[in-house]
């Protein structure tokens, strides 16, 4: 969900190859497909801070089907799908470019706020471990501990960076398509 545009494109390509999405795992990271006929399906991964029943009704009335709704209180994602025919234009939930950019920016800011404190803590742990190792003997557990913290820094940092890259891709796309 850190690059919703890439997820949507991938799911649409799978549908065009005849792999029809029939279920998404509880965490939203595992996708189950059945072999079927190729079809044109538009997907939209939508992040909402608060999603009431009116939000769902509006999209359902417009012909969208909720394929996945996250149960997390932190990450409120809904994956919408809508089948369309070859002669139709690809449907989009949000056609307003400024709304899509604001949405992408909100995702990037939210994930940065979630992961930045963790990154700072882990960086402090790594600095403390380096200081400790420079003044004391090398301990196997300290090396493992520092390695794990570096991996966490790279993981959480990549989540935040990917959301900002998503925002950047959209802003470039809309800048040249205006």
N, C-alpha and C. Protein backbone atom coordinates (compact mmCIF):
# COMPACT_ATOMS: atom_id res chain seq x y z
N UNK A 1 0.80 -1.20 0.00
CA UNK A 1 0.00 0.00 0.00
C UNK A 1 0.85 1.27 0.00
N UNK A 2 2.16 1.08 -0.05
CA UNK A 2 3.04 2.24 -0.06
C UNK A 2 3.18 2.84 -1.46
N UNK A 3 2.72 2.11 -2.46
CA UNK A 3 2.70 2.59 -3.84
C UNK A 3 1.38 2.14 -4.46
N UNK A 4 0.27 2.79 -4.09
CA UNK A 4 -1.04 2.36 -4.57
C UNK A 4 -1.17 2.32 -6.09
N UNK A 5 -0.50 3.24 -6.77
CA UNK A 5 -0.59 3.27 -8.24
C UNK A 5 0.01 2.00 -8.84
N UNK A 6 1.10 1.53 -8.29
CA UNK A 6 1.73 0.30 -8.79
C UNK A 6 0.88 -0.92 -8.48
N UNK A 7 0.26 -0.94 -7.30
CA UNK A 7 -0.63 -2.04 -6.93
C UNK A 7 -1.81 -2.11 -7.88
N UNK A 8 -2.42 -0.97 -8.15
CA UNK A 8 -3.57 -0.92 -9.06
C UNK A 8 -3.19 -1.41 -10.45
N UNK A 9 -2.07 -0.93 -10.95
CA UNK A 9 -1.59 -1.32 -12.29
C UNK A 9 -1.33 -2.83 -12.35
N UNK A 10 -0.70 -3.38 -11.30
CA UNK A 10 -0.40 -4.81 -11.26
C UNK A 10 -1.69 -5.64 -11.24
N UNK A 11 -2.65 -5.25 -10.41
CA UNK A 11 -3.91 -5.99 -10.35
C UNK A 11 -4.66 -5.95 -11.68
N UNK A 12 -4.64 -4.80 -12.33
CA UNK A 12 -5.31 -4.66 -13.63
C UNK A 12 -4.62 -5.52 -14.69
N UNK A 13 -3.30 -5.60 -14.65
CA UNK A 13 -2.56 -6.44 -15.58
C UNK A 13 -2.87 -7.92 -15.34
N UNK A 14 -2.99 -8.31 -14.08
CA UNK A 14 -3.33 -9.71 -13.76
C UNK A 14 -4.71 -10.05 -14.34
N UNK A 15 -5.66 -9.14 -14.22
CA UNK A 15 -7.01 -9.36 -14.76
C UNK A 15 -6.97 -9.49 -16.27
N UNK A 16 -6.16 -8.68 -16.93
CA UNK A 16 -6.06 -8.74 -18.39
C UNK A 16 -5.44 -10.05 -18.86
N UNK A 17 -4.65 -10.71 -17.99
CA UNK A 17 -4.05 -11.99 -18.32
C UNK A 17 -4.93 -13.18 -17.90
N UNK A 18 -6.13 -12.88 -17.40
CA UNK A 18 -7.05 -13.95 -17.03
C UNK A 18 -6.93 -14.44 -15.61
N UNK A 19 -6.12 -13.78 -14.80
CA UNK A 19 -6.02 -14.12 -13.39
C UNK A 19 -6.95 -13.18 -12.62
N UNK A 20 -8.10 -13.70 -12.25
CA UNK A 20 -9.14 -12.89 -11.63
C UNK A 20 -9.00 -12.91 -10.11
N UNK A 21 -8.91 -11.73 -9.54
CA UNK A 21 -8.79 -11.59 -8.08
C UNK A 21 -10.11 -12.02 -7.45
N UNK A 22 -10.03 -12.94 -6.49
CA UNK A 22 -11.26 -13.33 -5.81
C UNK A 22 -11.19 -13.09 -4.31
N UNK A 23 -9.98 -12.83 -3.77
CA UNK A 23 -9.88 -12.59 -2.34
C UNK A 23 -8.56 -11.92 -2.03
N UNK A 24 -8.59 -11.11 -0.98
CA UNK A 24 -7.38 -10.47 -0.46
C UNK A 24 -7.24 -10.92 0.99
N UNK A 25 -6.02 -11.28 1.39
CA UNK A 25 -5.77 -11.72 2.76
C UNK A 25 -6.10 -10.64 3.78
N UNK A 26 -6.22 -11.05 5.03
CA UNK A 26 -6.62 -10.13 6.11
C UNK A 26 -5.71 -8.93 6.27
N UNK A 27 -4.42 -9.12 5.98
CA UNK A 27 -3.47 -8.01 6.14
C UNK A 27 -3.42 -7.09 4.91
N UNK A 28 -4.02 -7.52 3.81
CA UNK A 28 -3.99 -6.72 2.60
C UNK A 28 -2.72 -6.87 1.79
N UNK A 29 -1.93 -7.88 2.11
CA UNK A 29 -0.66 -8.07 1.41
C UNK A 29 -0.61 -9.35 0.60
N UNK A 30 -1.60 -10.22 0.75
CA UNK A 30 -1.65 -11.47 0.01
C UNK A 30 -2.89 -11.45 -0.88
N UNK A 31 -2.69 -11.75 -2.16
CA UNK A 31 -3.77 -11.71 -3.13
C UNK A 31 -4.00 -13.10 -3.70
N UNK A 32 -5.26 -13.49 -3.79
CA UNK A 32 -5.62 -14.81 -4.30
C UNK A 32 -6.36 -14.64 -5.63
N UNK A 33 -5.89 -15.39 -6.63
CA UNK A 33 -6.45 -15.30 -7.97
C UNK A 33 -6.97 -16.67 -8.40
N UNK A 34 -7.95 -16.66 -9.28
CA UNK A 34 -8.38 -17.89 -9.95
C UNK A 34 -8.20 -17.68 -11.44
N UNK A 35 -7.91 -18.76 -12.12
CA UNK A 35 -7.75 -18.68 -13.57
C UNK A 35 -9.14 -18.51 -14.18
N UNK A 36 -9.30 -17.49 -14.96
CA UNK A 36 -10.58 -17.19 -15.59
C UNK A 36 -10.35 -16.58 -16.94
N UNK A 37 -11.30 -15.83 -17.38
CA UNK A 37 -11.16 -15.18 -18.67
C UNK A 37 -10.60 -13.77 -18.47
N UNK A 38 -9.83 -13.30 -19.43
CA UNK A 38 -9.31 -11.94 -19.33
C UNK A 38 -10.46 -10.93 -19.29
N UNK A 39 -10.29 -9.92 -18.49
CA UNK A 39 -11.33 -8.89 -18.39
C UNK A 39 -10.71 -7.56 -18.03
N UNK A 40 -11.43 -6.51 -18.30
CA UNK A 40 -10.99 -5.16 -17.97
C UNK A 40 -11.61 -4.78 -16.62
N UNK A 41 -10.74 -4.61 -15.63
CA UNK A 41 -11.19 -4.23 -14.29
C UNK A 41 -10.31 -3.08 -13.83
N UNK A 42 -10.95 -2.04 -13.36
CA UNK A 42 -10.23 -0.91 -12.80
C UNK A 42 -10.16 -1.10 -11.29
N UNK A 43 -8.99 -0.86 -10.71
CA UNK A 43 -8.81 -0.97 -9.26
C UNK A 43 -8.42 0.38 -8.70
N UNK A 44 -8.84 0.62 -7.48
CA UNK A 44 -8.46 1.85 -6.78
C UNK A 44 -8.18 1.50 -5.32
N UNK A 45 -6.95 1.72 -4.87
CA UNK A 45 -6.60 1.56 -3.47
C UNK A 45 -6.79 2.91 -2.81
N UNK A 46 -7.74 2.99 -1.89
CA UNK A 46 -8.12 4.27 -1.30
C UNK A 46 -7.85 4.27 0.20
N UNK A 47 -7.18 5.31 0.67
CA UNK A 47 -6.87 5.47 2.08
C UNK A 47 -7.77 6.54 2.66
N UNK A 48 -8.46 6.21 3.74
CA UNK A 48 -9.33 7.16 4.42
C UNK A 48 -9.03 7.14 5.90
N UNK A 49 -8.95 8.32 6.51
CA UNK A 49 -8.78 8.36 7.96
C UNK A 49 -10.03 7.88 8.67
N UNK A 50 -11.17 8.36 8.22
CA UNK A 50 -12.46 7.96 8.77
C UNK A 50 -13.36 7.59 7.61
N UNK A 51 -13.85 6.37 7.60
CA UNK A 51 -14.73 5.92 6.52
C UNK A 51 -16.06 5.48 7.14
N UNK A 52 -17.07 6.33 6.98
CA UNK A 52 -18.39 5.96 7.48
C UNK A 52 -19.17 5.22 6.39
N UNK A 53 -20.36 4.81 6.70
CA UNK A 53 -21.15 4.02 5.75
C UNK A 53 -21.50 4.84 4.50
N UNK A 54 -21.62 6.17 4.64
CA UNK A 54 -21.89 7.03 3.49
C UNK A 54 -20.79 6.96 2.44
N UNK A 55 -19.55 6.87 2.90
CA UNK A 55 -18.40 6.74 2.00
C UNK A 55 -18.56 5.50 1.14
N UNK A 56 -18.92 4.37 1.75
CA UNK A 56 -19.09 3.12 1.02
C UNK A 56 -20.30 3.18 0.09
N UNK A 57 -21.39 3.78 0.57
CA UNK A 57 -22.61 3.87 -0.25
C UNK A 57 -22.38 4.67 -1.53
N UNK A 58 -21.65 5.76 -1.43
CA UNK A 58 -21.38 6.60 -2.60
C UNK A 58 -20.67 5.80 -3.69
N UNK A 59 -19.65 5.07 -3.31
CA UNK A 59 -18.87 4.30 -4.28
C UNK A 59 -19.64 3.10 -4.81
N UNK A 60 -20.39 2.44 -3.92
CA UNK A 60 -21.20 1.30 -4.38
C UNK A 60 -22.29 1.75 -5.35
N UNK A 61 -22.90 2.89 -5.08
CA UNK A 61 -23.92 3.43 -5.98
C UNK A 61 -23.35 3.78 -7.34
N UNK A 62 -22.04 4.11 -7.37
CA UNK A 62 -21.38 4.44 -8.63
C UNK A 62 -20.89 3.19 -9.38
N UNK A 63 -21.18 2.00 -8.82
CA UNK A 63 -20.83 0.76 -9.51
C UNK A 63 -19.54 0.11 -9.03
N UNK A 64 -18.92 0.63 -7.98
CA UNK A 64 -17.68 0.07 -7.46
C UNK A 64 -18.00 -1.02 -6.44
N UNK A 65 -17.13 -2.02 -6.37
CA UNK A 65 -17.26 -3.13 -5.43
C UNK A 65 -16.06 -3.09 -4.48
N UNK A 66 -16.33 -3.17 -3.18
CA UNK A 66 -15.21 -3.19 -2.22
C UNK A 66 -14.63 -4.59 -2.18
N UNK A 67 -13.41 -4.72 -2.67
CA UNK A 67 -12.72 -6.00 -2.74
C UNK A 67 -11.98 -6.30 -1.45
N UNK A 68 -11.55 -5.27 -0.76
CA UNK A 68 -10.83 -5.42 0.50
C UNK A 68 -11.06 -4.19 1.36
N UNK A 69 -11.30 -4.42 2.66
CA UNK A 69 -11.41 -3.34 3.63
C UNK A 69 -10.51 -3.71 4.80
N UNK A 70 -9.53 -2.87 5.09
CA UNK A 70 -8.60 -3.19 6.18
C UNK A 70 -9.32 -3.09 7.52
N UNK A 71 -8.88 -3.92 8.44
CA UNK A 71 -9.46 -3.92 9.78
C UNK A 71 -8.59 -3.14 10.75
N UNK A 72 -7.45 -2.70 10.30
CA UNK A 72 -6.51 -1.98 11.16
C UNK A 72 -7.07 -0.61 11.54
N UNK A 73 -6.79 -0.19 12.76
CA UNK A 73 -7.22 1.14 13.17
C UNK A 73 -6.24 2.21 12.72
N UNK A 74 -5.02 1.79 12.33
CA UNK A 74 -4.00 2.73 11.89
C UNK A 74 -4.07 2.94 10.38
N UNK A 75 -4.19 1.86 9.64
CA UNK A 75 -4.20 1.92 8.18
C UNK A 75 -5.60 1.56 7.69
N UNK A 76 -6.37 2.54 7.27
CA UNK A 76 -7.73 2.31 6.82
C UNK A 76 -7.77 2.34 5.29
N UNK A 77 -7.49 1.18 4.71
CA UNK A 77 -7.45 1.05 3.26
C UNK A 77 -8.67 0.30 2.76
N UNK A 78 -9.16 0.72 1.61
CA UNK A 78 -10.20 -0.01 0.90
C UNK A 78 -9.72 -0.20 -0.52
N UNK A 79 -9.85 -1.43 -1.02
CA UNK A 79 -9.51 -1.72 -2.41
C UNK A 79 -10.82 -1.86 -3.15
N UNK A 80 -11.03 -0.95 -4.09
CA UNK A 80 -12.25 -0.93 -4.89
C UNK A 80 -11.97 -1.52 -6.27
N UNK A 81 -12.98 -2.17 -6.84
CA UNK A 81 -12.84 -2.71 -8.20
C UNK A 81 -14.12 -2.43 -8.98
N UNK A 82 -13.93 -2.27 -10.27
CA UNK A 82 -15.09 -2.05 -11.15
C UNK A 82 -14.75 -2.56 -12.54
N UNK A 83 -15.55 -3.51 -13.00
CA UNK A 83 -15.34 -4.07 -14.33
C UNK A 83 -15.93 -3.10 -15.37
N UNK A 84 -15.26 -3.04 -16.51
CA UNK A 84 -15.74 -2.18 -17.59
C UNK A 84 -15.45 -2.86 -18.91
N UNK A 85 -16.09 -2.38 -19.97
CA UNK A 85 -15.93 -3.02 -21.28
C UNK A 85 -14.81 -2.35 -22.08
N UNK A 86 -14.42 -3.02 -23.15
CA UNK A 86 -13.31 -2.53 -24.00
C UNK A 86 -13.58 -1.14 -24.58
N UNK A 87 -14.85 -0.86 -24.89
CA UNK A 87 -15.16 0.42 -25.52
C UNK A 87 -15.35 1.55 -24.51
N UNK A 88 -15.32 1.23 -23.22
CA UNK A 88 -15.44 2.24 -22.18
C UNK A 88 -14.07 2.77 -21.78
N UNK A 89 -14.05 3.98 -21.25
CA UNK A 89 -12.84 4.54 -20.69
C UNK A 89 -12.65 3.95 -19.29
N UNK A 90 -11.41 3.77 -18.88
CA UNK A 90 -11.11 3.20 -17.56
C UNK A 90 -11.73 4.08 -16.47
N UNK A 91 -12.64 3.50 -15.66
CA UNK A 91 -13.26 4.32 -14.59
C UNK A 91 -12.28 4.61 -13.46
N UNK A 92 -12.45 5.77 -12.85
CA UNK A 92 -11.63 6.16 -11.72
C UNK A 92 -12.55 6.67 -10.63
N UNK A 93 -12.21 6.36 -9.40
CA UNK A 93 -13.03 6.85 -8.28
C UNK A 93 -12.88 8.36 -8.17
N UNK A 94 -11.66 8.84 -8.26
CA UNK A 94 -11.40 10.28 -8.16
C UNK A 94 -10.82 10.76 -9.48
N UNK A 95 -11.55 11.59 -10.17
CA UNK A 95 -11.06 12.10 -11.45
C UNK A 95 -10.38 13.46 -11.30
N UNK A 96 -10.60 14.12 -10.19
CA UNK A 96 -9.99 15.43 -9.95
C UNK A 96 -8.52 15.25 -9.58
N UNK A 97 -7.64 15.80 -10.38
CA UNK A 97 -6.20 15.63 -10.18
C UNK A 97 -5.71 16.24 -8.87
N UNK A 98 -6.25 17.40 -8.51
CA UNK A 98 -5.81 18.03 -7.27
C UNK A 98 -6.22 17.19 -6.07
N UNK A 99 -7.39 16.54 -6.14
CA UNK A 99 -7.82 15.66 -5.04
C UNK A 99 -6.88 14.45 -4.93
N UNK A 100 -6.48 13.89 -6.06
CA UNK A 100 -5.58 12.74 -6.05
C UNK A 100 -4.22 13.12 -5.47
N UNK A 101 -3.73 14.30 -5.81
CA UNK A 101 -2.45 14.76 -5.26
C UNK A 101 -2.54 14.99 -3.75
N UNK A 102 -3.64 15.59 -3.30
CA UNK A 102 -3.84 15.80 -1.86
C UNK A 102 -3.91 14.45 -1.15
N UNK A 103 -4.58 13.50 -1.77
CA UNK A 103 -4.70 12.15 -1.21
C UNK A 103 -3.32 11.50 -1.09
N UNK A 104 -2.52 11.58 -2.14
CA UNK A 104 -1.17 11.00 -2.13
C UNK A 104 -0.29 11.68 -1.09
N UNK A 105 -0.42 12.99 -0.96
CA UNK A 105 0.37 13.72 0.02
C UNK A 105 -0.04 13.33 1.44
N UNK A 106 -1.34 13.15 1.66
CA UNK A 106 -1.82 12.73 2.98
C UNK A 106 -1.27 11.35 3.35
N UNK A 107 -1.21 10.44 2.37
CA UNK A 107 -0.64 9.11 2.60
C UNK A 107 0.83 9.24 2.99
N UNK A 108 1.57 10.04 2.23
CA UNK A 108 3.00 10.21 2.49
C UNK A 108 3.25 10.83 3.87
N UNK A 109 2.48 11.83 4.22
CA UNK A 109 2.65 12.48 5.52
C UNK A 109 2.28 11.52 6.65
N UNK A 110 1.18 10.78 6.48
CA UNK A 110 0.75 9.83 7.51
C UNK A 110 1.81 8.78 7.78
N UNK A 111 2.33 8.18 6.70
CA UNK A 111 3.34 7.13 6.88
C UNK A 111 4.66 7.71 7.39
N UNK A 112 5.00 8.91 7.01
CA UNK A 112 6.21 9.54 7.54
C UNK A 112 6.06 9.79 9.04
N UNK A 113 4.89 10.26 9.45
CA UNK A 113 4.66 10.50 10.88
C UNK A 113 4.66 9.19 11.67
N UNK A 114 4.21 8.11 11.05
CA UNK A 114 4.22 6.81 11.72
C UNK A 114 5.63 6.27 11.88
N UNK A 115 6.44 6.41 10.82
CA UNK A 115 7.73 5.74 10.81
C UNK A 115 8.90 6.61 11.24
N UNK A 116 8.79 7.93 11.15
CA UNK A 116 9.90 8.81 11.52
C UNK A 116 10.33 8.63 12.98
N UNK A 117 9.40 8.58 13.95
CA UNK A 117 9.85 8.36 15.33
C UNK A 117 10.59 7.03 15.50
N UNK A 118 10.12 5.99 14.83
CA UNK A 118 10.81 4.69 14.90
C UNK A 118 12.20 4.78 14.30
N UNK A 119 12.31 5.47 13.17
CA UNK A 119 13.62 5.63 12.54
C UNK A 119 14.60 6.35 13.46
N UNK A 120 14.13 7.40 14.11
CA UNK A 120 15.00 8.16 15.01
C UNK A 120 15.47 7.28 16.17
N UNK A 121 14.54 6.51 16.74
CA UNK A 121 14.91 5.62 17.86
C UNK A 121 15.94 4.59 17.41
N UNK A 122 15.70 3.97 16.26
CA UNK A 122 16.63 2.94 15.78
C UNK A 122 17.98 3.53 15.41
N UNK A 123 18.00 4.72 14.86
CA UNK A 123 19.28 5.37 14.55
C UNK A 123 20.04 5.65 15.84
N UNK A 124 19.33 6.09 16.87
CA UNK A 124 19.99 6.32 18.16
C UNK A 124 20.55 5.02 18.73
N UNK A 125 19.82 3.92 18.57
CA UNK A 125 20.33 2.62 19.02
C UNK A 125 21.61 2.24 18.28
N UNK A 126 21.62 2.47 16.98
CA UNK A 126 22.81 2.12 16.18
C UNK A 126 24.00 2.99 16.61
N UNK A 127 23.77 4.28 16.78
CA UNK A 127 24.85 5.18 17.21
C UNK A 127 25.36 4.76 18.59
N UNK A 128 24.46 4.42 19.50
CA UNK A 128 24.86 3.98 20.83
C UNK A 128 25.67 2.68 20.76
N UNK A 129 25.24 1.77 19.88
CA UNK A 129 25.98 0.51 19.72
C UNK A 129 27.37 0.75 19.14
N UNK A 130 27.48 1.64 18.18
CA UNK A 130 28.80 1.95 17.60
C UNK A 130 29.70 2.56 18.66
N UNK A 131 29.14 3.47 19.45
CA UNK A 131 29.92 4.08 20.53
C UNK A 131 30.37 3.01 21.52
N UNK A 132 29.45 2.13 21.91
CA UNK A 132 29.76 1.06 22.86
C UNK A 132 30.86 0.15 22.32
N UNK A 133 30.74 -0.23 21.03
CA UNK A 133 31.72 -1.14 20.43
C UNK A 133 33.10 -0.48 20.26
N UNK A 134 33.12 0.84 20.10
CA UNK A 134 34.41 1.51 19.94
C UNK A 134 35.16 1.63 21.27
N UNK A 135 34.44 1.55 22.38
CA UNK A 135 35.07 1.68 23.70
C UNK A 135 35.15 0.37 24.48
N UNK A 136 34.53 -0.66 23.96
CA UNK A 136 34.54 -1.96 24.64
C UNK A 136 34.85 -3.06 23.62
N UNK A 137 34.97 -4.24 24.12
CA UNK A 137 35.25 -5.35 23.21
C UNK A 137 34.03 -5.67 22.35
N UNK A 138 34.30 -6.26 21.20
CA UNK A 138 33.25 -6.62 20.26
C UNK A 138 32.48 -7.83 20.79
N UNK A 139 31.20 -7.65 20.96
CA UNK A 139 30.33 -8.69 21.47
C UNK A 139 29.44 -9.18 20.34
N UNK A 140 29.28 -10.47 20.23
CA UNK A 140 28.48 -11.06 19.14
C UNK A 140 27.02 -10.58 19.19
N UNK A 141 26.47 -10.49 20.38
CA UNK A 141 25.08 -10.04 20.53
C UNK A 141 24.91 -8.57 20.14
N UNK A 142 25.91 -7.76 20.43
CA UNK A 142 25.85 -6.33 20.05
C UNK A 142 25.87 -6.19 18.53
N UNK A 143 26.66 -7.02 17.87
CA UNK A 143 26.72 -6.97 16.40
C UNK A 143 25.37 -7.41 15.80
N UNK A 144 24.80 -8.47 16.34
CA UNK A 144 23.49 -8.93 15.87
C UNK A 144 22.43 -7.86 16.14
N UNK A 145 22.47 -7.27 17.32
CA UNK A 145 21.53 -6.22 17.69
C UNK A 145 21.63 -5.03 16.73
N UNK A 146 22.86 -4.60 16.45
CA UNK A 146 23.05 -3.46 15.56
C UNK A 146 22.61 -3.81 14.14
N UNK A 147 22.89 -5.02 13.70
CA UNK A 147 22.48 -5.45 12.36
C UNK A 147 20.95 -5.43 12.23
N UNK A 148 20.26 -5.91 13.25
CA UNK A 148 18.79 -5.89 13.24
C UNK A 148 18.25 -4.46 13.20
N UNK A 149 18.88 -3.58 13.96
CA UNK A 149 18.43 -2.18 13.95
C UNK A 149 18.66 -1.52 12.59
N UNK A 150 19.77 -1.83 11.96
CA UNK A 150 20.04 -1.29 10.62
C UNK A 150 18.99 -1.81 9.64
N UNK A 151 18.64 -3.09 9.74
CA UNK A 151 17.60 -3.65 8.86
C UNK A 151 16.25 -2.98 9.11
N UNK A 152 15.93 -2.69 10.36
CA UNK A 152 14.68 -1.99 10.67
C UNK A 152 14.70 -0.57 10.11
N UNK A 153 15.83 0.10 10.19
CA UNK A 153 15.96 1.45 9.63
C UNK A 153 15.71 1.41 8.13
N UNK A 154 16.32 0.45 7.45
CA UNK A 154 16.14 0.33 6.00
C UNK A 154 14.70 -0.02 5.65
N UNK A 155 14.08 -0.91 6.42
CA UNK A 155 12.70 -1.31 6.14
C UNK A 155 11.73 -0.15 6.33
N UNK A 156 11.74 0.44 7.52
CA UNK A 156 10.81 1.54 7.80
C UNK A 156 11.12 2.77 6.96
N UNK A 157 12.38 3.01 6.70
CA UNK A 157 12.75 4.12 5.83
C UNK A 157 12.24 3.92 4.41
N UNK A 158 12.30 2.67 3.93
CA UNK A 158 11.80 2.41 2.57
C UNK A 158 10.30 2.61 2.48
N UNK A 159 9.56 2.29 3.56
CA UNK A 159 8.11 2.52 3.54
C UNK A 159 7.80 4.00 3.35
N UNK A 160 8.48 4.82 4.11
CA UNK A 160 8.25 6.26 4.03
C UNK A 160 8.70 6.82 2.68
N UNK A 161 9.86 6.39 2.21
CA UNK A 161 10.37 6.86 0.92
C UNK A 161 9.43 6.46 -0.21
N UNK A 162 8.92 5.23 -0.17
CA UNK A 162 8.02 4.78 -1.25
C UNK A 162 6.74 5.60 -1.32
N UNK A 163 6.22 6.05 -0.16
CA UNK A 163 5.01 6.88 -0.21
C UNK A 163 5.31 8.24 -0.82
N UNK A 164 6.49 8.80 -0.52
CA UNK A 164 6.85 10.09 -1.12
C UNK A 164 7.15 9.93 -2.62
N UNK A 165 7.70 8.79 -3.01
CA UNK A 165 7.90 8.54 -4.45
C UNK A 165 6.57 8.41 -5.18
N UNK A 166 5.58 7.82 -4.53
CA UNK A 166 4.22 7.75 -5.09
C UNK A 166 3.67 9.16 -5.32
N UNK A 167 3.80 10.01 -4.31
CA UNK A 167 3.35 11.40 -4.45
C UNK A 167 4.09 12.10 -5.59
N UNK A 168 5.38 11.88 -5.67
CA UNK A 168 6.20 12.50 -6.73
C UNK A 168 5.77 12.01 -8.12
N UNK A 169 5.51 10.70 -8.26
CA UNK A 169 5.06 10.16 -9.56
C UNK A 169 3.75 10.81 -9.99
N UNK A 170 2.83 10.93 -9.05
CA UNK A 170 1.55 11.55 -9.39
C UNK A 170 1.71 13.02 -9.76
N UNK A 171 2.52 13.75 -9.01
CA UNK A 171 2.69 15.17 -9.31
C UNK A 171 3.36 15.36 -10.66
N UNK A 172 4.32 14.51 -11.01
CA UNK A 172 4.94 14.60 -12.33
C UNK A 172 3.96 14.24 -13.43
N UNK A 173 3.18 13.17 -13.21
CA UNK A 173 2.21 12.74 -14.21
C UNK A 173 1.19 13.83 -14.50
N UNK A 174 0.70 14.46 -13.43
CA UNK A 174 -0.32 15.48 -13.62
C UNK A 174 0.25 16.79 -14.13
N UNK A 175 1.52 17.03 -13.81
CA UNK A 175 2.17 18.24 -14.32
C UNK A 175 2.27 18.19 -15.83
N UNK A 176 2.59 17.02 -16.39
CA UNK A 176 2.76 16.90 -17.82
C UNK A 176 1.45 16.62 -18.56
N UNK A 177 0.41 16.19 -17.83
CA UNK A 177 -0.88 15.91 -18.47
C UNK A 177 -1.86 17.05 -18.39
N UNK A 178 -1.48 18.16 -17.76
CA UNK A 178 -2.41 19.29 -17.63
C UNK A 178 -2.65 19.99 -18.93
